Protein backbone atom coordinates (compact mmCIF):
# COMPACT_ATOMS: atom_id res chain seq x y z
CA MET A 1 -24.43 74.86 54.95
CA ASP A 2 -24.60 76.55 51.62
CA SER A 3 -27.17 74.87 49.46
CA LEU A 4 -24.74 75.06 46.59
CA THR A 5 -22.07 73.16 48.45
CA PRO A 6 -22.14 69.54 47.35
CA PRO A 7 -22.71 67.09 50.15
CA ALA A 8 -19.75 65.21 51.44
CA PRO A 9 -19.37 61.76 49.91
CA PRO A 10 -20.65 59.00 52.08
CA HIS A 11 -18.09 57.16 54.15
CA PRO A 12 -17.25 53.89 52.33
CA GLN A 13 -18.36 50.71 54.04
CA ASN A 14 -15.65 48.12 54.66
CA THR A 15 -16.51 44.72 53.17
CA GLU A 16 -15.42 41.41 54.59
CA ASP A 17 -12.93 41.02 51.77
CA ASP A 18 -11.42 44.40 52.56
CA CYS A 19 -11.17 43.60 56.23
CA PHE A 20 -9.55 40.22 55.60
CA PRO A 21 -7.34 40.56 52.49
CA ALA A 22 -5.34 37.46 53.38
CA LYS A 23 -8.51 35.39 53.42
CA ASN A 24 -9.50 36.74 49.98
CA ALA A 25 -6.12 35.87 48.56
CA LEU A 26 -6.35 32.42 50.08
CA CYS A 27 -9.77 31.81 48.53
CA GLY A 28 -8.47 32.90 45.13
CA HIS A 29 -5.54 30.55 45.51
CA ASP A 30 -7.87 27.67 46.40
CA GLU A 31 -9.99 28.32 43.33
CA GLU A 32 -6.91 28.44 41.14
CA GLN A 33 -5.60 25.27 42.74
CA HIS A 34 -8.98 23.61 42.15
CA VAL A 35 -8.86 24.57 38.47
CA GLN A 36 -5.33 23.22 38.18
CA ASN A 37 -6.18 19.96 39.90
CA CYS A 38 -9.36 19.34 37.92
CA ASP A 39 -9.16 16.27 35.64
CA TRP A 40 -10.43 18.00 32.54
CA ILE A 41 -9.56 15.10 30.21
CA SER A 42 -11.81 12.71 32.09
CA THR A 43 -14.72 15.07 31.62
CA LEU A 44 -14.50 14.76 27.83
CA PRO A 45 -17.13 12.60 26.11
CA ASP A 46 -16.28 9.00 25.25
CA ASP A 47 -16.07 9.67 21.52
CA ILE A 48 -13.18 12.10 22.01
CA LEU A 49 -11.38 9.87 24.53
CA ILE A 50 -11.66 6.90 22.17
CA GLU A 51 -10.21 9.02 19.36
CA ILE A 52 -7.25 9.93 21.60
CA LEU A 53 -6.69 6.31 22.67
CA SER A 54 -6.79 5.14 19.07
CA LEU A 55 -3.53 7.05 18.51
CA MET A 56 -1.79 4.64 20.90
CA THR A 57 -1.07 0.95 20.58
CA ILE A 58 -3.90 -1.08 22.08
CA SER A 59 -1.65 -2.28 24.93
CA GLU A 60 -0.85 1.34 25.84
CA ALA A 61 -4.54 2.21 25.65
CA ALA A 62 -5.37 -0.72 27.93
CA MET A 63 -3.10 0.66 30.66
CA THR A 64 -5.35 3.73 30.97
CA GLY A 65 -7.95 1.40 32.50
CA PHE A 66 -6.01 1.62 35.78
CA LEU A 67 -6.33 5.41 36.04
CA SER A 68 -9.83 5.53 37.54
CA THR A 69 -13.28 4.03 37.26
CA ARG A 70 -14.00 6.62 34.56
CA TRP A 71 -11.29 5.12 32.36
CA ARG A 72 -11.77 1.45 33.26
CA HIS A 73 -13.73 0.46 30.15
CA VAL A 74 -13.09 3.33 27.73
CA TRP A 75 -10.13 1.63 26.02
CA LYS A 76 -12.30 -1.39 25.23
CA LYS A 77 -14.28 0.76 22.81
CA VAL A 78 -11.27 1.38 20.55
CA ASP A 79 -12.40 -0.50 17.47
CA HIS A 80 -9.22 -0.52 15.35
CA LEU A 81 -6.86 -3.20 16.73
CA ILE A 82 -3.32 -3.74 15.45
CA LEU A 83 -1.75 -6.73 17.18
CA ASP A 84 1.91 -7.39 16.42
CA SER A 85 5.32 -7.56 18.11
CA TYR A 86 5.52 -3.79 18.45
CA THR A 87 2.11 -3.55 20.11
CA PHE A 88 3.17 -5.90 22.91
CA GLY A 89 6.82 -4.78 23.11
CA MET A 90 8.09 -8.19 22.02
CA GLN A 91 11.08 -9.41 20.07
CA GLU A 92 10.81 -8.99 16.30
CA LEU A 93 10.89 -12.58 15.08
CA GLU A 94 11.26 -11.58 11.47
CA LYS A 95 14.74 -10.30 12.32
CA SER A 96 15.90 -13.38 14.23
CA ARG A 97 15.53 -16.17 11.63
CA TYR A 98 13.54 -18.23 14.07
CA HIS A 99 13.90 -21.44 12.02
CA GLU A 100 17.50 -21.54 13.26
CA ASN A 101 16.17 -21.53 16.82
CA PRO A 102 12.73 -23.18 16.96
CA LEU A 103 12.66 -23.14 20.76
CA LEU A 104 13.01 -19.36 20.77
CA TRP A 105 10.26 -19.00 18.19
CA ASN A 106 7.96 -21.36 20.08
CA ASP A 107 8.47 -19.43 23.31
CA VAL A 108 7.89 -15.99 21.76
CA ALA A 109 4.93 -17.22 19.68
CA THR A 110 3.31 -18.73 22.80
CA LYS A 111 3.65 -15.38 24.60
CA PHE A 112 2.14 -13.54 21.67
CA VAL A 113 -0.82 -15.94 21.47
CA HIS A 114 -1.39 -15.59 25.21
CA LYS A 115 -1.40 -11.79 24.99
CA VAL A 116 -3.84 -11.73 22.07
CA ASN A 117 -6.17 -14.18 23.82
CA GLY A 118 -6.15 -12.05 26.95
CA LEU A 119 -6.80 -8.83 25.12
CA LEU A 120 -9.66 -10.18 23.02
CA HIS A 121 -11.22 -11.79 26.09
CA SER A 122 -11.06 -8.57 28.13
CA ARG A 123 -12.94 -6.60 25.47
CA TYR A 124 -15.44 -9.30 24.55
CA GLY A 125 -18.78 -7.86 23.48
CA ASN A 126 -17.34 -4.67 21.97
CA LYS A 127 -17.39 -4.01 18.24
CA ILE A 128 -14.19 -4.33 16.22
CA LYS A 129 -14.20 -2.42 12.96
CA GLU A 130 -10.67 -3.45 11.98
CA LEU A 131 -8.57 -6.35 13.28
CA ILE A 132 -4.96 -6.59 12.09
CA ILE A 133 -2.75 -9.45 13.29
CA ARG A 134 0.88 -9.53 12.14
CA PHE A 135 2.94 -12.40 13.51
CA PRO A 136 4.59 -15.54 12.04
CA LEU A 137 2.14 -18.20 13.20
CA THR A 138 1.51 -21.58 11.58
CA SER A 139 -0.79 -24.58 11.75
CA ALA A 140 0.56 -25.24 15.24
CA HIS A 141 -1.62 -22.34 16.39
CA ALA A 142 -4.69 -23.26 14.35
CA SER A 143 -7.06 -23.48 17.33
CA ASN A 144 -6.10 -19.98 18.51
CA LEU A 145 -6.33 -18.51 15.03
CA ASP A 146 -9.77 -20.07 14.58
CA HIS A 147 -10.82 -18.55 17.89
CA TRP A 148 -9.62 -15.09 16.81
CA ILE A 149 -11.63 -15.37 13.60
CA GLU A 150 -14.68 -16.36 15.65
CA SER A 151 -14.12 -13.32 17.87
CA ALA A 152 -13.91 -11.08 14.80
CA ILE A 153 -17.17 -12.52 13.44
CA VAL A 154 -18.97 -12.03 16.77
CA ALA A 155 -17.61 -8.45 17.00
CA SER A 156 -19.02 -7.60 13.53
CA THR A 157 -15.54 -6.89 12.16
CA GLU A 158 -15.49 -4.97 8.88
CA LYS A 159 -11.78 -5.36 8.00
CA LEU A 160 -9.86 -8.54 8.82
CA PHE A 161 -6.10 -8.66 8.15
CA PHE A 162 -4.02 -11.77 8.95
CA ASP A 163 -0.31 -11.49 8.09
CA LEU A 164 1.28 -14.77 9.20
CA ASP A 165 4.39 -14.39 7.04
CA ASN A 166 7.70 -15.00 8.84
CA LYS A 167 9.58 -12.37 6.76
CA CYS A 168 12.84 -13.82 8.03
CA CYS A 169 14.30 -13.81 4.53
CA LYS A 170 13.43 -14.10 0.89
CA GLU A 171 11.24 -16.79 -0.59
CA GLY A 172 12.91 -20.19 -0.96
CA CYS A 173 15.48 -19.62 1.78
CA THR A 174 17.33 -22.91 2.48
CA ILE A 175 17.38 -22.18 6.21
CA CYS A 176 13.60 -21.95 6.33
CA VAL A 177 13.13 -24.98 4.09
CA LYS A 178 15.38 -27.14 6.29
CA GLY A 179 13.56 -25.95 9.38
CA MET A 180 10.12 -26.79 8.06
CA ASN A 181 8.20 -29.52 9.86
CA ALA A 182 4.61 -30.53 10.41
CA ALA A 183 4.13 -27.86 13.06
CA SER A 184 5.33 -25.08 10.75
CA GLU A 185 2.95 -25.83 7.88
CA PRO A 186 0.85 -22.81 6.86
CA TYR A 187 -2.34 -22.24 8.77
CA ASP A 188 -5.44 -23.52 6.99
CA PHE A 189 -7.94 -20.67 6.86
CA LEU A 190 -11.34 -22.28 7.39
CA LEU A 191 -14.01 -20.89 5.11
CA GLY A 192 -16.55 -22.97 7.00
CA LEU A 193 -16.41 -20.47 9.87
CA PHE A 194 -18.30 -18.01 7.66
CA PHE A 195 -21.35 -20.17 6.94
CA ASN A 196 -24.94 -18.87 6.85
CA GLY A 197 -24.01 -15.22 6.46
CA ARG A 198 -22.25 -15.01 9.83
CA ALA A 199 -19.76 -12.43 8.54
CA HIS A 200 -22.39 -10.07 7.16
CA SER A 201 -20.29 -7.06 8.27
CA LEU A 202 -17.01 -8.20 6.69
CA ASP A 203 -15.99 -5.70 4.02
CA GLU A 204 -12.28 -6.42 3.49
CA LEU A 205 -10.28 -9.63 3.94
CA THR A 206 -6.48 -9.81 3.65
CA LEU A 207 -4.51 -13.03 4.18
CA PHE A 208 -0.74 -13.60 4.08
CA ASN A 209 1.02 -16.97 4.26
CA CYS A 210 -1.75 -19.47 4.82
CA SER A 211 -3.74 -22.00 2.84
CA ILE A 212 -7.39 -22.14 1.80
CA GLY A 213 -9.02 -25.48 1.12
CA THR A 214 -12.25 -26.29 -0.64
CA MET A 215 -15.24 -24.06 -0.18
CA PRO A 216 -18.35 -25.40 1.61
CA ALA A 217 -21.42 -25.90 -0.57
CA ASN A 218 -23.65 -23.70 1.62
CA MET A 219 -21.14 -20.88 1.83
CA SER A 220 -22.79 -17.46 2.19
CA GLY A 221 -20.58 -15.62 4.66
CA PHE A 222 -18.90 -13.37 2.11
CA SER A 223 -22.03 -11.85 0.64
CA TYR A 224 -20.93 -8.31 1.53
CA LEU A 225 -17.19 -8.70 0.97
CA LYS A 226 -15.86 -5.94 -1.33
CA SER A 227 -12.08 -6.43 -1.18
CA LEU A 228 -10.07 -9.68 -1.09
CA LEU A 229 -6.25 -9.83 -1.01
CA LEU A 230 -4.43 -13.18 -0.92
CA ALA A 231 -0.61 -13.17 -0.71
CA ARG A 232 1.52 -16.32 -0.44
CA VAL A 233 -1.68 -18.30 -0.05
CA SER A 234 -1.97 -21.91 -1.18
CA ILE A 235 -5.21 -21.87 -3.13
CA VAL A 236 -6.32 -23.60 -6.34
CA ASP A 237 -8.25 -22.27 -9.32
CA GLU A 238 -11.56 -23.87 -8.35
CA THR A 239 -11.54 -22.32 -4.87
CA VAL A 240 -10.88 -18.85 -6.26
CA SER A 241 -13.79 -19.27 -8.67
CA SER A 242 -16.06 -20.48 -5.86
CA ILE A 243 -15.14 -17.55 -3.63
CA MET A 244 -15.82 -15.06 -6.41
CA SER A 245 -19.18 -16.61 -7.20
CA ASN A 246 -20.21 -16.32 -3.53
CA CYS A 247 -18.96 -12.74 -3.08
CA CYS A 248 -21.84 -10.85 -4.63
CA ALA A 249 -20.40 -7.42 -3.75
CA LEU A 250 -16.74 -8.09 -4.66
CA GLU A 251 -15.04 -5.09 -6.30
CA ILE A 252 -11.31 -5.65 -5.64
CA MET A 253 -9.34 -8.90 -6.05
CA VAL A 254 -5.54 -9.09 -5.46
CA LEU A 255 -3.56 -12.33 -5.84
CA GLN A 256 0.17 -12.28 -5.03
CA TYR A 257 2.58 -15.24 -5.03
CA CYS A 258 -0.26 -17.78 -5.16
CA HIS A 259 1.80 -20.50 -6.83
CA LEU A 260 -0.91 -23.16 -7.09
CA LEU A 261 -2.92 -21.10 -9.56
CA VAL A 262 -2.69 -22.36 -13.15
CA HIS A 263 -5.76 -21.30 -15.12
CA LEU A 264 -7.36 -18.38 -13.33
CA THR A 265 -10.90 -17.34 -14.18
CA ALA A 266 -11.98 -13.94 -12.89
CA SER A 267 -15.70 -13.85 -13.47
CA HIS A 268 -17.74 -11.27 -11.60
CA ALA A 269 -20.29 -8.67 -12.61
CA ARG A 270 -19.15 -6.03 -10.09
CA LEU A 271 -15.37 -6.58 -10.15
CA GLN A 272 -13.58 -3.26 -10.78
CA ILE A 273 -9.94 -3.90 -9.83
CA LEU A 274 -7.95 -7.08 -10.54
CA VAL A 275 -4.27 -7.49 -9.59
CA VAL A 276 -2.25 -10.66 -10.27
CA GLN A 277 1.41 -10.63 -9.25
CA PHE A 278 4.13 -13.28 -9.56
CA CYS A 279 2.03 -16.44 -9.47
CA LYS A 280 4.79 -18.56 -10.99
CA SER A 281 2.66 -21.53 -12.13
CA LEU A 282 0.05 -19.38 -13.83
CA VAL A 283 -0.53 -20.18 -17.50
CA SER A 284 -3.65 -18.19 -18.38
CA ILE A 285 -6.20 -15.69 -17.13
CA CYS A 286 -9.76 -15.54 -18.36
CA ILE A 287 -11.48 -12.27 -17.47
CA ARG A 288 -15.24 -12.02 -17.54
CA ALA A 289 -15.84 -8.74 -15.73
CA ASP A 290 -17.77 -6.20 -17.76
CA ASN A 291 -17.21 -3.42 -15.20
CA LEU A 292 -13.45 -3.91 -14.80
CA GLU A 293 -11.72 -0.52 -14.50
CA SER A 294 -8.15 -1.45 -13.52
CA PHE A 295 -6.02 -4.52 -14.26
CA ALA A 296 -2.43 -5.13 -13.20
CA TYR A 297 -0.31 -8.15 -14.11
CA MET A 298 3.28 -8.86 -13.05
CA GLY A 299 5.24 -11.97 -13.95
CA TYR A 300 5.99 -14.13 -16.98
CA LYS A 301 4.09 -13.94 -20.21
CA ILE A 302 0.77 -15.77 -20.06
CA ASP A 303 -2.31 -16.22 -22.22
CA ILE A 304 -4.99 -13.63 -21.60
CA GLU A 305 -8.63 -13.89 -22.59
CA CYS A 306 -10.95 -10.95 -22.15
CA GLU A 307 -14.24 -10.69 -23.98
CA ARG A 308 -15.05 -7.08 -23.17
CA ALA A 309 -13.14 -4.22 -21.56
CA GLN A 310 -15.26 -1.20 -22.37
CA PHE A 311 -14.64 0.41 -18.95
CA LEU A 312 -10.95 -0.43 -18.48
CA GLU A 313 -9.16 2.83 -17.58
CA MET A 314 -5.88 1.66 -15.99
CA LEU A 315 -3.56 -1.08 -17.22
CA HIS A 316 -0.31 -2.16 -15.54
CA VAL A 317 1.89 -4.76 -17.27
CA TYR A 318 5.22 -5.83 -15.74
CA PHE A 319 7.10 -8.59 -17.59
CA VAL A 320 10.26 -10.18 -16.21
CA ASN A 321 11.38 -12.37 -19.12
CA LYS A 322 13.62 -10.53 -21.58
CA ASP A 323 12.06 -12.30 -24.59
CA ASP A 324 8.52 -11.14 -23.77
CA CYS A 325 7.02 -7.92 -25.10
CA PRO A 326 4.30 -6.36 -22.89
CA LEU A 327 2.66 -4.76 -25.92
CA ASP A 328 1.71 -8.22 -27.19
CA PHE A 329 -0.07 -8.79 -23.87
CA ILE A 330 -2.03 -5.56 -24.28
CA SER A 331 -3.12 -6.55 -27.77
CA ALA A 332 -4.84 -9.62 -26.34
CA PHE A 333 -7.50 -7.29 -24.97
CA PRO A 334 -10.40 -6.15 -27.15
CA GLN A 335 -10.80 -2.49 -27.98
CA LEU A 336 -9.96 -0.23 -25.02
CA PRO A 337 -12.01 2.93 -25.59
CA LYS A 338 -11.64 4.16 -21.96
CA LEU A 339 -7.95 3.38 -21.43
CA GLU A 340 -6.22 6.47 -20.01
CA PHE A 341 -3.53 5.21 -17.62
CA LEU A 342 -0.80 2.82 -18.82
CA VAL A 343 2.18 1.48 -16.86
CA ILE A 344 4.56 -0.93 -18.61
CA GLN A 345 7.78 -2.59 -17.47
CA PHE A 346 10.06 -3.61 -20.34
CA PRO A 347 12.61 -6.38 -19.60
CA THR A 348 14.40 -5.57 -22.85
CA CYS A 349 14.57 -2.82 -25.45
CA LEU A 350 11.39 -2.05 -27.36
CA GLN A 351 11.73 -1.83 -31.11
CA VAL A 352 10.02 0.99 -33.02
CA TYR A 353 8.12 -1.39 -35.29
CA ARG A 354 6.53 -2.95 -32.21
CA VAL A 355 5.21 0.44 -31.17
CA LEU A 356 3.78 1.08 -34.61
CA GLN A 357 1.98 -2.29 -34.52
CA HIS A 358 0.08 -1.31 -31.38
CA ALA A 359 -0.17 2.46 -31.86
CA SER A 360 -3.97 2.46 -32.05
CA ARG A 361 -4.14 1.26 -28.43
CA PHE A 362 -2.61 4.48 -27.12
CA ALA A 363 -4.91 7.06 -28.70
CA GLY A 364 -6.82 7.93 -25.51
CA LEU A 365 -3.95 7.78 -23.02
CA THR A 366 -3.41 10.74 -20.70
CA THR A 367 -0.82 9.08 -18.41
CA VAL A 368 2.07 6.85 -19.52
CA MET A 369 4.71 5.37 -17.22
CA LEU A 370 7.54 3.19 -18.56
CA VAL A 371 10.01 1.11 -16.51
CA LEU A 372 13.26 0.10 -18.25
CA MET A 373 15.13 -2.88 -16.81
CA LYS A 374 18.02 -2.64 -19.29
CA PRO A 375 19.78 0.22 -21.11
CA TRP A 376 18.04 0.96 -24.39
CA LYS A 377 20.82 2.97 -26.06
CA GLU A 378 19.68 3.82 -29.63
CA GLY A 379 16.37 2.09 -28.95
CA ILE A 380 15.39 4.95 -26.62
CA SER A 381 13.76 6.56 -29.66
CA SER A 382 10.94 4.01 -29.26
CA VAL A 383 9.81 6.03 -26.24
CA ALA A 384 9.21 9.02 -28.50
CA TYR A 385 7.08 6.88 -30.82
CA VAL A 386 4.99 5.68 -27.88
CA LEU A 387 4.33 9.31 -26.94
CA LYS A 388 3.59 10.17 -30.54
CA SER A 389 0.86 7.52 -30.50
CA ALA A 390 -0.73 9.23 -27.48
CA PRO A 391 -1.67 12.77 -28.59
CA LEU A 392 -3.73 13.39 -25.42
CA ILE A 393 -0.90 12.60 -23.01
CA GLU A 394 -0.59 14.94 -20.01
CA TYR A 395 1.74 13.03 -17.65
CA PHE A 396 4.82 11.02 -18.64
CA GLY A 397 7.02 9.05 -16.27
CA LEU A 398 10.06 6.94 -17.08
CA HIS A 399 12.27 4.97 -14.72
CA GLY A 400 15.76 4.03 -15.87
CA CYS A 401 17.68 0.89 -14.97
CA CYS A 402 19.73 2.65 -12.23
CA LYS A 403 23.12 1.49 -13.48
CA LEU A 404 26.15 3.62 -14.20
CA HIS A 405 27.51 3.12 -17.71
CA GLN A 406 30.34 4.68 -19.64
CA HIS A 407 29.20 7.88 -21.32
CA THR A 408 29.32 7.02 -25.03
CA GLN A 409 27.99 8.84 -28.07
CA LEU A 410 25.00 7.23 -29.77
CA ASN A 411 23.30 7.84 -33.10
CA ILE A 412 19.63 8.25 -32.11
CA THR A 413 16.98 9.06 -34.70
CA TRP A 414 13.96 10.94 -33.32
CA PRO A 415 10.58 11.38 -35.02
CA GLU A 416 10.38 14.68 -36.86
CA ASP A 417 8.00 17.57 -36.13
CA LEU A 418 6.54 15.95 -32.99
CA ILE A 419 4.74 18.37 -30.69
CA LEU A 420 3.21 17.04 -27.47
CA ALA A 421 0.89 19.97 -26.95
CA ARG A 422 -0.84 18.68 -23.80
CA LEU A 423 2.12 17.19 -21.95
CA TYR A 424 2.42 19.16 -18.70
CA THR A 425 4.43 16.90 -16.37
CA ILE A 426 7.56 14.80 -16.94
CA ILE A 427 9.19 12.64 -14.23
CA ILE A 428 12.44 10.81 -15.03
CA GLY A 429 13.34 8.36 -12.24
CA GLY A 430 16.38 6.13 -11.79
CA PHE A 431 18.40 8.72 -13.72
CA SER A 432 22.10 7.84 -13.91
CA GLY A 433 23.35 10.51 -16.32
CA GLU A 434 23.44 8.02 -19.22
CA PHE A 435 23.70 9.46 -22.71
CA GLU A 436 20.42 8.02 -24.04
CA LEU A 437 18.34 9.52 -21.20
CA MET A 438 20.11 12.86 -21.59
CA GLU A 439 19.20 12.86 -25.28
CA LEU A 440 15.61 11.84 -24.47
CA VAL A 441 15.31 14.78 -22.09
CA TYR A 442 16.64 17.18 -24.76
CA PHE A 443 14.08 15.83 -27.21
CA LEU A 444 11.20 16.16 -24.71
CA LEU A 445 12.16 19.74 -23.86
CA ARG A 446 12.01 20.61 -27.55
CA SER A 447 8.63 18.90 -28.02
CA THR A 448 6.61 20.11 -25.00
CA PRO A 449 5.63 23.79 -25.28
CA ALA A 450 3.14 23.50 -22.40
CA LEU A 451 5.54 21.79 -19.97
CA ASP A 452 4.91 22.90 -16.37
CA VAL A 453 6.70 20.39 -14.08
CA PHE A 454 9.92 18.56 -14.84
CA GLU A 455 11.62 16.33 -12.25
CA ILE A 456 14.84 14.31 -12.34
CA ASP A 457 15.05 11.65 -9.62
CA THR A 458 18.35 9.79 -9.29
CA ARG A 459 17.13 7.33 -6.63
CA ALA A 460 16.53 3.66 -7.40
CA MET A 461 12.92 2.52 -7.45
CA GLU A 462 13.74 -0.56 -5.33
CA PRO A 463 15.79 0.27 -2.19
CA TRP A 464 16.76 -3.42 -1.86
CA LEU A 465 19.04 -2.99 -4.91
CA ALA A 466 21.59 -1.53 -2.48
CA ARG A 467 21.70 -4.11 0.31
CA SER A 468 25.36 -4.39 1.20
CA ASN A 469 27.60 -1.49 2.16
CA GLU A 470 29.49 -1.92 -1.11
CA ASP A 471 26.27 -1.76 -3.13
CA LYS A 472 25.12 1.29 -1.19
CA LEU A 473 28.45 3.02 -1.80
CA GLN A 474 28.23 2.32 -5.54
CA ASP A 475 24.66 3.57 -5.67
CA ASP A 476 25.62 6.76 -3.80
CA MET A 477 28.38 7.33 -6.35
CA ARG A 478 25.91 6.78 -9.20
CA CYS A 479 23.44 9.27 -7.74
CA ARG A 480 26.13 11.88 -7.18
CA TYR A 481 27.39 11.53 -10.75
CA ALA A 482 23.83 11.70 -12.10
CA ARG A 483 23.07 14.91 -10.20
CA GLU A 484 26.28 16.49 -11.44
CA MET A 485 25.35 15.64 -15.03
CA ALA A 486 21.83 17.01 -14.56
CA TYR A 487 23.03 20.32 -13.10
CA ALA A 488 25.76 20.76 -15.70
CA HIS A 489 23.85 19.80 -18.85
CA LEU A 490 20.10 19.87 -18.21
CA VAL A 491 19.59 22.98 -16.09
CA PRO A 492 20.72 25.35 -18.89
CA LYS A 493 18.25 23.69 -21.29
CA VAL A 494 15.13 23.92 -19.11
CA PRO A 495 12.93 27.00 -19.78
CA SER A 496 12.59 29.40 -16.86
CA THR A 497 8.81 28.91 -16.83
CA VAL A 498 9.17 25.22 -15.93
CA LYS A 499 9.27 24.03 -12.30
CA PHE A 500 12.47 21.96 -12.41
CA HIS A 501 13.59 19.66 -9.55
CA ILE A 502 16.61 17.40 -9.16
CA ILE A 503 16.54 14.78 -6.41
């Protein structure tokens, strides 16, 4: 053989895979089948599985315990529990007016209590960060409610939320009043359960529709409580004061529809947010909170005493009596050097001279929101004087009274040569196409060279204003008319550089 002739390539050796191609394909299929059949979810760490289960209701999460031994106890580690009718797939009592049928309510409530007891028992020993219970229960279920509180304390719960309100109808309903009996009295929330610092982990407490009696002398269970909300709770002035004095870390206090309060004293060194809403027997509030940053009051005019408010940044005042002027309420405060955010609801028209009396209070405002409960007509010019008193204003919101009125010409006198150089955003809500708001918008467009966002919202602020079909039809007509007016008369006036929206 010529030495230059390359040697013949070696004869290839047949492998087992080549000799048995069917077997090779079968093995590949088995591997693929194994990959498909592998329970990849169960191999995930507990932290991820718990995060997935937390997206379900706790009853749905509990059913995963039947999948395998791997899943048997995972659901018990979900530490945010929301227990209500929806969670257990039960009838919504708030829609059935259960006082008309006490036997139905008693049967459904008994089932709910049984389900909650079973669930809490099955996960005993596991931490609960947040426990939310929403169901119309009363003093008839006091022993069970006490037990649930004990369970929350043992589980080092950080957020406890008890909403025992029936929500069957509005407050004072004659059906509910006639159906009241000893068994349907509000549950008495026992502060004694929190003695000797037992609730050292409790950070937030929210209670709806219950009562709170006197506070034990050795009370120390709320030492770390930062937020307290009481709504429709029967509680007296002295108990509120005692709770505040024992809550060393309290920063947020909200009181809603607490009708036994008369002379409220809010005294706390660390209190930052105070909200008092519609406590109908309230006569006065005395505030001794040097670090208060936000205060909101809604209801009738009351006496206000506040020694210092050097850090108050946000003030909300909603008056419901037409003879009361919210600006008088604001003047009861001392100097407000930090005040930047002001929300006021006016039950009647504000006169210009009233604005001028209190103009010094608005010098540092950057955000002003006004709610008008009645048409202001020529008095709408008072809004311009409020803005004139706030040269630093950047955001202005106004909500109209959401009522359609005949379009009549008015003689409105606006302040001259007013330029709101820093006003960037204007939101007009409850717009009905009324003449006075149209004229206010024209004035604002002339006075805001830096305007960036302008929005007209025709919707009512309170959806319950349109309850019946007739009311809803009238409100739809009002909104349609308002949008037509905005498109026809306002769009041509808005500069092209402004982001303009009509809703």
